[in-house]
């Protein structure tokens, strides 16, 4: 005798039982489809986030990115990572208490936000996966920087150093003013090459760092600066010539001793 389970039809083996099982499976399909759609809607690249419209970014779409930290200074409200497609800014409003070092490979889970100009990511969780070389810097012009297109990207530009001073705030960043093709450009560097700041003045400097743009409430750009995390990303022709001269002096000195 078959056992009757309360709340369910008592189907014996046969066509009706097969139809009942099929109906139950079909009823579960919408749930599985919704779950798959949710996974598909998750943005997986920085470029995908940056292409969102203001309205789309404000919907707080889910994001999961894997990239390298290019500049990270909480005291200066500067948090950037870059994946294989683009660089992106991380909002401070959702950042977990974690300090990243440039060159760390991280996974960022969060949501989108409109940002002041371009879409940004509000992190919910940041996980350090290891280390990775910083991306190759893209050579840019003053005009490209002023357009806002290179915001959050790892770029390269050159200019003559006019002044160097250390900020008297919690960041202790070094503010470098360089004269580029179209005027003065501000560089914020965590470290300086050489022994003193004065050594850099009047030197031609090749700078590699993150383009950080400032915008007003109308989403209009009014300032651009380059954020540099490593001393090696500030290359000076003066120090190159100094190293060459030092090697030449050492070679001559050793030759005289041998003779």
C-alpha atoms as a PDB file:
ATOM      1  CA  UNK A   1       0.000   0.000   0.000  1.00  0.00           C
ATOM      2  CA  UNK A   2       1.359   3.402  -0.922  1.00  0.00           C
ATOM      3  CA  UNK A   3       1.955   5.908   1.869  1.00  0.00           C
ATOM      4  CA  UNK A   4      -0.128   9.077   1.774  1.00  0.00           C
ATOM      5  CA  UNK A   5       1.728  12.333   2.553  1.00  0.00           C
ATOM      6  CA  UNK A   6      -0.517  15.119   3.794  1.00  0.00           C
ATOM      7  CA  UNK A   7      -0.594  18.179   1.551  1.00  0.00           C
ATOM      8  CA  UNK A   8       0.520  16.401  -1.625  1.00  0.00           C
ATOM      9  CA  UNK A   9      -1.529  14.456  -4.171  1.00  0.00           C
ATOM     10  CA  UNK A  10      -1.291  10.697  -3.798  1.00  0.00           C
ATOM     11  CA  UNK A  11      -0.053   9.784  -7.279  1.00  0.00           C
ATOM     12  CA  UNK A  12       0.841   6.223  -8.022  1.00  0.00           C
ATOM     13  CA  UNK A  13       3.510   5.392 -10.570  1.00  0.00           C
ATOM     14  CA  UNK A  14       2.171   6.428 -13.946  1.00  0.00           C
ATOM     15  CA  UNK A  15       1.652   9.360 -16.348  1.00  0.00           C
ATOM     16  CA  UNK A  16       0.104  11.591 -13.692  1.00  0.00           C
ATOM     17  CA  UNK A  17       3.089  11.245 -11.369  1.00  0.00           C
ATOM     18  CA  UNK A  18       5.433  12.137 -14.225  1.00  0.00           C
ATOM     19  CA  UNK A  19       3.367  15.198 -15.049  1.00  0.00           C
ATOM     20  CA  UNK A  20       3.457  16.286 -11.420  1.00  0.00           C
ATOM     21  CA  UNK A  21       7.284  16.079 -11.293  1.00  0.00           C
ATOM     22  CA  UNK A  22       7.529  17.983 -14.579  1.00  0.00           C
ATOM     23  CA  UNK A  23       5.253  20.718 -13.246  1.00  0.00           C
ATOM     24  CA  UNK A  24       7.373  21.089 -10.111  1.00  0.00           C
ATOM     25  CA  UNK A  25      10.542  21.442 -12.229  1.00  0.00           C
ATOM     26  CA  UNK A  26       8.934  24.043 -14.468  1.00  0.00           C
ATOM     27  CA  UNK A  27       7.818  26.022 -11.422  1.00  0.00           C
ATOM     28  CA  UNK A  28      11.439  26.237 -10.230  1.00  0.00           C
ATOM     29  CA  UNK A  29      12.746  27.551 -13.572  1.00  0.00           C
ATOM     30  CA  UNK A  30      11.894  31.252 -13.009  1.00  0.00           C
ATOM     31  CA  UNK A  31      13.928  31.247  -9.778  1.00  0.00           C
ATOM     32  CA  UNK A  32      16.957  29.785 -11.531  1.00  0.00           C
ATOM     33  CA  UNK A  33      16.581  32.176 -14.463  1.00  0.00           C
ATOM     34  CA  UNK A  34      16.405  35.167 -12.103  1.00  0.00           C
ATOM     35  CA  UNK A  35      19.551  33.990 -10.325  1.00  0.00           C
ATOM     36  CA  UNK A  36      21.401  33.645 -13.636  1.00  0.00           C
ATOM     37  CA  UNK A  37      20.230  37.101 -14.711  1.00  0.00           C
ATOM     38  CA  UNK A  38      21.490  38.556 -11.439  1.00  0.00           C
ATOM     39  CA  UNK A  39      24.931  37.045 -12.046  1.00  0.00           C
ATOM     40  CA  UNK A  40      24.936  38.352 -15.625  1.00  0.00           C
ATOM     41  CA  UNK A  41      24.150  41.906 -14.468  1.00  0.00           C
ATOM     42  CA  UNK A  42      27.276  42.004 -12.300  1.00  0.00           C
ATOM     43  CA  UNK A  43      29.860  44.308 -13.927  1.00  0.00           C
ATOM     44  CA  UNK A  44      33.266  42.657 -14.187  1.00  0.00           C
ATOM     45  CA  UNK A  45      35.512  45.337 -15.753  1.00  0.00           C
ATOM     46  CA  UNK A  46      36.389  48.946 -14.984  1.00  0.00           C
ATOM     47  CA  UNK A  47      35.621  49.887 -18.594  1.00  0.00           C
ATOM     48  CA  UNK A  48      32.086  48.510 -18.211  1.00  0.00           C
ATOM     49  CA  UNK A  49      31.554  50.718 -15.154  1.00  0.00           C
ATOM     50  CA  UNK A  50      32.941  53.820 -16.877  1.00  0.00           C
ATOM     51  CA  UNK A  51      30.597  53.439 -19.861  1.00  0.00           C
ATOM     52  CA  UNK A  52      27.471  53.687 -17.688  1.00  0.00           C
ATOM     53  CA  UNK A  53      25.310  56.774 -17.904  1.00  0.00           C
ATOM     54  CA  UNK A  54      24.671  58.848 -14.787  1.00  0.00           C
ATOM     55  CA  UNK A  55      21.208  57.334 -14.457  1.00  0.00           C
ATOM     56  CA  UNK A  56      22.519  53.773 -14.828  1.00  0.00           C
ATOM     57  CA  UNK A  57      25.351  54.295 -12.321  1.00  0.00           C
ATOM     58  CA  UNK A  58      22.913  55.696  -9.762  1.00  0.00           C
ATOM     59  CA  UNK A  59      21.046  52.361  -9.754  1.00  0.00           C
ATOM     60  CA  UNK A  60      23.909  50.909  -7.634  1.00  0.00           C
ATOM     61  CA  UNK A  61      24.576  48.023  -9.966  1.00  0.00           C
ATOM     62  CA  UNK A  62      26.686  45.173  -8.531  1.00  0.00           C
ATOM     63  CA  UNK A  63      30.391  45.209  -9.371  1.00  0.00           C
ATOM     64  CA  UNK A  64      33.192  42.682  -9.008  1.00  0.00           C
ATOM     65  CA  UNK A  65      36.582  43.906 -10.236  1.00  0.00           C
ATOM     66  CA  UNK A  66      40.063  42.432 -10.125  1.00  0.00           C
ATOM     67  CA  UNK A  67      42.874  44.957 -10.606  1.00  0.00           C
ATOM     68  CA  UNK A  68      46.089  46.424  -9.269  1.00  0.00           C
ATOM     69  CA  UNK A  69      46.238  49.337  -6.833  1.00  0.00           C
ATOM     70  CA  UNK A  70      47.861  52.268  -8.655  1.00  0.00           C
ATOM     71  CA  UNK A  71      47.546  54.958  -5.969  1.00  0.00           C
ATOM     72  CA  UNK A  72      46.013  54.699  -2.502  1.00  0.00           C
ATOM     73  CA  UNK A  73      46.143  57.488   0.051  1.00  0.00           C
ATOM     74  CA  UNK A  74      43.118  57.648   2.340  1.00  0.00           C
ATOM     75  CA  UNK A  75      44.205  60.945   3.911  1.00  0.00           C
ATOM     76  CA  UNK A  76      44.088  62.581   0.471  1.00  0.00           C
ATOM     77  CA  UNK A  77      40.826  60.927  -0.610  1.00  0.00           C
ATOM     78  CA  UNK A  78      42.665  59.170  -3.424  1.00  0.00           C
ATOM     79  CA  UNK A  79      41.966  55.477  -4.052  1.00  0.00           C
ATOM     80  CA  UNK A  80      42.549  54.060  -7.529  1.00  0.00           C
ATOM     81  CA  UNK A  81      42.847  50.620  -9.072  1.00  0.00           C
ATOM     82  CA  UNK A  82      43.266  49.572 -12.702  1.00  0.00           C
ATOM     83  CA  UNK A  83      42.395  46.318 -14.437  1.00  0.00           C
ATOM     84  CA  UNK A  84      43.146  45.155 -17.974  1.00  0.00           C
ATOM     85  CA  UNK A  85      40.537  47.522 -19.414  1.00  0.00           C
ATOM     86  CA  UNK A  86      40.758  50.835 -17.498  1.00  0.00           C
ATOM     87  CA  UNK A  87      41.400  52.612 -14.218  1.00  0.00           C
ATOM     88  CA  UNK A  88      38.634  53.407 -11.748  1.00  0.00           C
ATOM     89  CA  UNK A  89      38.140  55.477  -8.582  1.00  0.00           C
ATOM     90  CA  UNK A  90      36.993  53.843  -5.338  1.00  0.00           C
ATOM     91  CA  UNK A  91      34.654  55.914  -3.199  1.00  0.00           C
ATOM     92  CA  UNK A  92      35.543  56.401   0.444  1.00  0.00           C
ATOM     93  CA  UNK A  93      31.958  56.070   1.639  1.00  0.00           C
ATOM     94  CA  UNK A  94      31.961  52.280   1.495  1.00  0.00           C
ATOM     95  CA  UNK A  95      35.661  51.449   1.754  1.00  0.00           C
ATOM     96  CA  UNK A  96      36.433  48.838   4.442  1.00  0.00           C
ATOM     97  CA  UNK A  97      39.259  49.728   6.876  1.00  0.00           C
ATOM     98  CA  UNK A  98      42.119  48.543   4.688  1.00  0.00           C
ATOM     99  CA  UNK A  99      45.292  50.211   3.435  1.00  0.00           C
ATOM    100  CA  UNK A 100      46.481  49.180   0.013  1.00  0.00           C
ATOM    101  CA  UNK A 101      50.001  49.433  -1.340  1.00  0.00           C
ATOM    102  CA  UNK A 102      50.547  50.190  -5.029  1.00  0.00           C
ATOM    103  CA  UNK A 103      51.267  46.960  -6.845  1.00  0.00           C
ATOM    104  CA  UNK A 104      48.862  44.851  -4.806  1.00  0.00           C
ATOM    105  CA  UNK A 105      46.412  42.769  -6.822  1.00  0.00           C
ATOM    106  CA  UNK A 106      42.947  43.085  -5.293  1.00  0.00           C
ATOM    107  CA  UNK A 107      39.378  41.961  -5.814  1.00  0.00           C
ATOM    108  CA  UNK A 108      36.801  44.665  -5.179  1.00  0.00           C
ATOM    109  CA  UNK A 109      33.144  43.830  -4.630  1.00  0.00           C
ATOM    110  CA  UNK A 110      30.747  46.747  -4.477  1.00  0.00           C
ATOM    111  CA  UNK A 111      28.206  48.849  -6.334  1.00  0.00           C
ATOM    112  CA  UNK A 112      28.256  51.671  -8.858  1.00  0.00           C
ATOM    113  CA  UNK A 113      27.762  55.363  -8.154  1.00  0.00           C
ATOM    114  CA  UNK A 114      27.584  58.344 -10.509  1.00  0.00           C
ATOM    115  CA  UNK A 115      30.658  60.141  -9.124  1.00  0.00           C
ATOM    116  CA  UNK A 116      31.469  63.808  -9.726  1.00  0.00           C
ATOM    117  CA  UNK A 117      32.185  63.243 -13.424  1.00  0.00           C
ATOM    118  CA  UNK A 118      32.626  59.584 -14.340  1.00  0.00           C
ATOM    119  CA  UNK A 119      31.026  56.523 -12.724  1.00  0.00           C
ATOM    120  CA  UNK A 120      32.875  55.161  -9.687  1.00  0.00           C
ATOM    121  CA  UNK A 121      32.744  52.097  -7.438  1.00  0.00           C
ATOM    122  CA  UNK A 122      31.564  52.065  -3.826  1.00  0.00           C
ATOM    123  CA  UNK A 123      33.390  49.067  -2.290  1.00  0.00           C
ATOM    124  CA  UNK A 124      31.697  46.673   0.074  1.00  0.00           C
ATOM    125  CA  UNK A 125      34.625  44.299   0.344  1.00  0.00           C
ATOM    126  CA  UNK A 126      38.272  44.478  -0.766  1.00  0.00           C
ATOM    127  CA  UNK A 127      40.359  41.313  -0.814  1.00  0.00           C
ATOM    128  CA  UNK A 128      44.135  41.282  -1.403  1.00  0.00           C
ATOM    129  CA  UNK A 129      45.094  38.490  -3.806  1.00  0.00           C
ATOM    130  CA  UNK A 130      48.817  39.078  -4.233  1.00  0.00           C
ATOM    131  CA  UNK A 131      51.089  41.382  -6.189  1.00  0.00           C
ATOM    132  CA  UNK A 132      51.162  42.547  -9.784  1.00  0.00           C
ATOM    133  CA  UNK A 133      53.246  45.062 -11.772  1.00  0.00           C
ATOM    134  CA  UNK A 134      51.678  48.458 -12.297  1.00  0.00           C
ATOM    135  CA  UNK A 135      50.236  48.961 -15.795  1.00  0.00           C
ATOM    136  CA  UNK A 136      52.285  50.487 -18.566  1.00  0.00           C
ATOM    137  CA  UNK A 137      51.780  54.255 -18.397  1.00  0.00           C
ATOM    138  CA  UNK A 138      49.993  55.823 -21.355  1.00  0.00           C
ATOM    139  CA  UNK A 139      51.808  58.896 -22.758  1.00  0.00           C
ATOM    140  CA  UNK A 140      49.388  61.837 -22.777  1.00  0.00           C
ATOM    141  CA  UNK A 141      49.311  65.520 -23.654  1.00  0.00           C
ATOM    142  CA  UNK A 142      48.008  68.458 -21.639  1.00  0.00           C
ATOM    143  CA  UNK A 143      44.984  68.590 -23.922  1.00  0.00           C
ATOM    144  CA  UNK A 144      44.118  64.954 -23.203  1.00  0.00           C
ATOM    145  CA  UNK A 145      44.376  65.538 -19.456  1.00  0.00           C
ATOM    146  CA  UNK A 146      42.210  68.666 -19.683  1.00  0.00           C
ATOM    147  CA  UNK A 147      39.499  66.780 -21.572  1.00  0.00           C
ATOM    148  CA  UNK A 148      38.763  64.527 -18.588  1.00  0.00           C
ATOM    149  CA  UNK A 149      39.000  61.392 -20.718  1.00  0.00           C
ATOM    150  CA  UNK A 150      42.085  60.155 -18.864  1.00  0.00           C
ATOM    151  CA  UNK A 151      40.548  60.530 -15.396  1.00  0.00           C
ATOM    152  CA  UNK A 152      41.661  57.643 -13.104  1.00  0.00           C
ATOM    153  CA  UNK A 153      44.044  56.276 -15.763  1.00  0.00           C
ATOM    154  CA  UNK A 154      47.758  55.508 -15.289  1.00  0.00           C
ATOM    155  CA  UNK A 155      49.486  58.043 -17.549  1.00  0.00           C
ATOM    156  CA  UNK A 156      52.866  59.571 -18.371  1.00  0.00           C
ATOM    157  CA  UNK A 157      53.800  63.193 -19.038  1.00  0.00           C
ATOM    158  CA  UNK A 158      56.973  65.311 -18.868  1.00  0.00           C
ATOM    159  CA  UNK A 159      57.791  68.822 -17.719  1.00  0.00           C
ATOM    160  CA  UNK A 160      60.356  71.061 -16.036  1.00  0.00           C
ATOM    161  CA  UNK A 161      60.189  71.219 -12.236  1.00  0.00           C
ATOM    162  CA  UNK A 162      59.436  74.722 -10.912  1.00  0.00           C
ATOM    163  CA  UNK A 163      58.856  74.031  -7.216  1.00  0.00           C
ATOM    164  CA  UNK A 164      58.706  71.237  -4.652  1.00  0.00           C
ATOM    165  CA  UNK A 165      57.169  71.350  -1.186  1.00  0.00           C
ATOM    166  CA  UNK A 166      55.789  68.862   1.293  1.00  0.00           C
ATOM    167  CA  UNK A 167      52.172  69.183   2.367  1.00  0.00           C
ATOM    168  CA  UNK A 168      51.630  69.897   6.039  1.00  0.00           C
ATOM    169  CA  UNK A 169      48.708  67.522   6.448  1.00  0.00           C
ATOM    170  CA  UNK A 170      48.106  63.893   7.321  1.00  0.00           C
ATOM    171  CA  UNK A 171      49.110  62.694   3.851  1.00  0.00           C
ATOM    172  CA  UNK A 172      52.599  64.327   3.887  1.00  0.00           C
ATOM    173  CA  UNK A 173      52.603  64.139   0.105  1.00  0.00           C
ATOM    174  CA  UNK A 174      55.138  66.134  -1.892  1.00  0.00           C
ATOM    175  CA  UNK A 175      53.572  68.731  -4.182  1.00  0.00           C
ATOM    176  CA  UNK A 176      55.598  69.266  -7.351  1.00  0.00           C
ATOM    177  CA  UNK A 177      54.798  71.960  -9.893  1.00  0.00           C
ATOM    178  CA  UNK A 178      56.046  71.223 -13.389  1.00  0.00           C
ATOM    179  CA  UNK A 179      55.872  73.419 -16.467  1.00  0.00           C
ATOM    180  CA  UNK A 180      54.397  71.358 -19.280  1.00  0.00           C
ATOM    181  CA  UNK A 181      53.493  72.389 -22.813  1.00  0.00           C
ATOM    182  CA  UNK A 182      50.326  74.280 -21.807  1.00  0.00           C
ATOM    183  CA  UNK A 183      51.175  75.587 -18.349  1.00  0.00           C
ATOM    184  CA  UNK A 184      51.749  74.407 -14.796  1.00  0.00           C
ATOM    185  CA  UNK A 185      50.710  70.902 -13.780  1.00  0.00           C
ATOM    186  CA  UNK A 186      50.552  69.711 -10.176  1.00  0.00           C
ATOM    187  CA  UNK A 187      52.094  66.396  -9.172  1.00  0.00           C
ATOM    188  CA  UNK A 188      51.474  64.774  -5.783  1.00  0.00           C
ATOM    189  CA  UNK A 189      54.168  62.246  -4.948  1.00  0.00           C
ATOM    190  CA  UNK A 190      54.443  59.917  -1.973  1.00  0.00           C
ATOM    191  CA  UNK A 191      58.223  59.645  -2.477  1.00  0.00           C
ATOM    192  CA  UNK A 192      60.931  61.705  -4.144  1.00  0.00           C
ATOM    193  CA  UNK A 193      63.990  60.529  -6.068  1.00  0.00           C
ATOM    194  CA  UNK A 194      67.335  61.923  -4.931  1.00  0.00           C
ATOM    195  CA  UNK A 195      68.319  63.323  -1.557  1.00  0.00           C
ATOM    196  CA  UNK A 196      66.553  66.685  -1.327  1.00  0.00           C
ATOM    197  CA  UNK A 197      63.598  68.415  -2.961  1.00  0.00           C
ATOM    198  CA  UNK A 198      65.837  71.255  -4.148  1.00  0.00           C
ATOM    199  CA  UNK A 199      67.771  68.805  -6.323  1.00  0.00           C
ATOM    200  CA  UNK A 200      64.726  68.416  -8.569  1.00  0.00           C
ATOM    201  CA  UNK A 201      64.129  72.111  -9.289  1.00  0.00           C
ATOM    202  CA  UNK A 202      64.851  73.035 -12.942  1.00  0.00           C
ATOM    203  CA  UNK A 203      65.173  69.368 -13.896  1.00  0.00           C
ATOM    204  CA  UNK A 204      63.135  67.828 -16.694  1.00  0.00           C
ATOM    205  CA  UNK A 205      60.933  65.227 -15.043  1.00  0.00           C
ATOM    206  CA  UNK A 206      59.160  62.299 -16.660  1.00  0.00           C
ATOM    207  CA  UNK A 207      56.150  61.516 -14.487  1.00  0.00           C
ATOM    208  CA  UNK A 208      54.123  58.296 -14.349  1.00  0.00           C
ATOM    209  CA  UNK A 209      51.015  58.244 -12.179  1.00  0.00           C
ATOM    210  CA  UNK A 210      47.242  58.345 -11.931  1.00  0.00           C
ATOM    211  CA  UNK A 211      45.351  61.230 -13.499  1.00  0.00           C
ATOM    212  CA  UNK A 212      43.099  62.632 -10.783  1.00  0.00           C
ATOM    213  CA  UNK A 213      40.596  65.185 -12.043  1.00  0.00           C
ATOM    214  CA  UNK A 214      38.547  67.606  -9.945  1.00  0.00           C
ATOM    215  CA  UNK A 215      35.048  68.628 -10.956  1.00  0.00           C
ATOM    216  CA  UNK A 216      32.409  71.031  -9.716  1.00  0.00           C
ATOM    217  CA  UNK A 217      28.773  70.214  -8.947  1.00  0.00           C
ATOM    218  CA  UNK A 218      27.899  70.711 -12.602  1.00  0.00           C
ATOM    219  CA  UNK A 219      30.272  67.860 -13.478  1.00  0.00           C
ATOM    220  CA  UNK A 220      32.682  70.311 -15.123  1.00  0.00           C
ATOM    221  CA  UNK A 221      36.429  69.752 -14.877  1.00  0.00           C
ATOM    222  CA  UNK A 222      38.392  72.568 -13.227  1.00  0.00           C
ATOM    223  CA  UNK A 223      41.688  70.962 -12.168  1.00  0.00           C
ATOM    224  CA  UNK A 224      43.939  68.025 -13.034  1.00  0.00           C
ATOM    225  CA  UNK A 225      46.763  66.514 -10.990  1.00  0.00           C
ATOM    226  CA  UNK A 226      48.928  63.418 -11.256  1.00  0.00           C
ATOM    227  CA  UNK A 227      49.193  61.083  -8.255  1.00  0.00           C
ATOM    228  CA  UNK A 228      52.546  59.274  -8.001  1.00  0.00           C
ATOM    229  CA  UNK A 229      53.142  56.507  -5.486  1.00  0.00           C
ATOM    230  CA  UNK A 230      56.754  55.485  -6.223  1.00  0.00           C
ATOM    231  CA  UNK A 231      60.012  57.423  -6.513  1.00  0.00           C
ATOM    232  CA  UNK A 232      60.955  55.375  -9.595  1.00  0.00           C
ATOM    233  CA  UNK A 233      58.002  56.926 -11.432  1.00  0.00           C
ATOM    234  CA  UNK A 234      59.669  60.342 -11.239  1.00  0.00           C
ATOM    235  CA  UNK A 235      62.524  60.106 -13.742  1.00  0.00           C
ATOM    236  CA  UNK A 236      64.840  63.073 -13.967  1.00  0.00           C
ATOM    237  CA  UNK A 237      67.368  63.659 -16.719  1.00  0.00           C
ATOM    238  CA  UNK A 238      69.592  65.257 -14.098  1.00  0.00           C
ATOM    239  CA  UNK A 239      69.834  62.047 -12.106  1.00  0.00           C
ATOM    240  CA  UNK A 240      70.398  60.012 -15.254  1.00  0.00           C
ATOM    241  CA  UNK A 241      73.352  62.223 -16.170  1.00  0.00           C
ATOM    242  CA  UNK A 242      74.603  62.069 -12.589  1.00  0.00           C
ATOM    243  CA  UNK A 243      74.589  58.267 -12.638  1.00  0.00           C
ATOM    244  CA  UNK A 244      76.403  58.257 -15.980  1.00  0.00           C
ATOM    245  CA  UNK A 245      78.992  60.727 -14.651  1.00  0.00           C
ATOM    246  CA  UNK A 246      79.485  58.677 -11.495  1.00  0.00           C
ATOM    247  CA  UNK A 247      80.140  55.531 -13.537  1.00  0.00           C
ATOM    248  CA  UNK A 248      82.574  57.421 -15.774  1.00  0.00           C
ATOM    249  CA  UNK A 249      84.473  58.834 -12.780  1.00  0.00           C
ATOM    250  CA  UNK A 250      84.613  55.392 -11.174  1.00  0.00           C
ATOM    251  CA  UNK A 251      85.922  53.847 -14.410  1.00  0.00           C
ATOM    252  CA  UNK A 252      88.653  56.494 -14.777  1.00  0.00           C
ATOM    253  CA  UNK A 253      89.649  56.135 -11.129  1.00  0.00           C
ATOM    254  CA  UNK A 254      89.938  52.349 -11.390  1.00  0.00           C
ATOM    255  CA  UNK A 255      91.947  52.680 -14.606  1.00  0.00           C
ATOM    256  CA  UNK A 256      94.440  55.020 -12.956  1.00  0.00           C
ATOM    257  CA  UNK A 257      94.901  52.601 -10.076  1.00  0.00           C
ATOM    258  CA  UNK A 258      95.556  49.713 -12.454  1.00  0.00           C
ATOM    259  CA  UNK A 259      98.104  51.758 -14.372  1.00  0.00           C
END
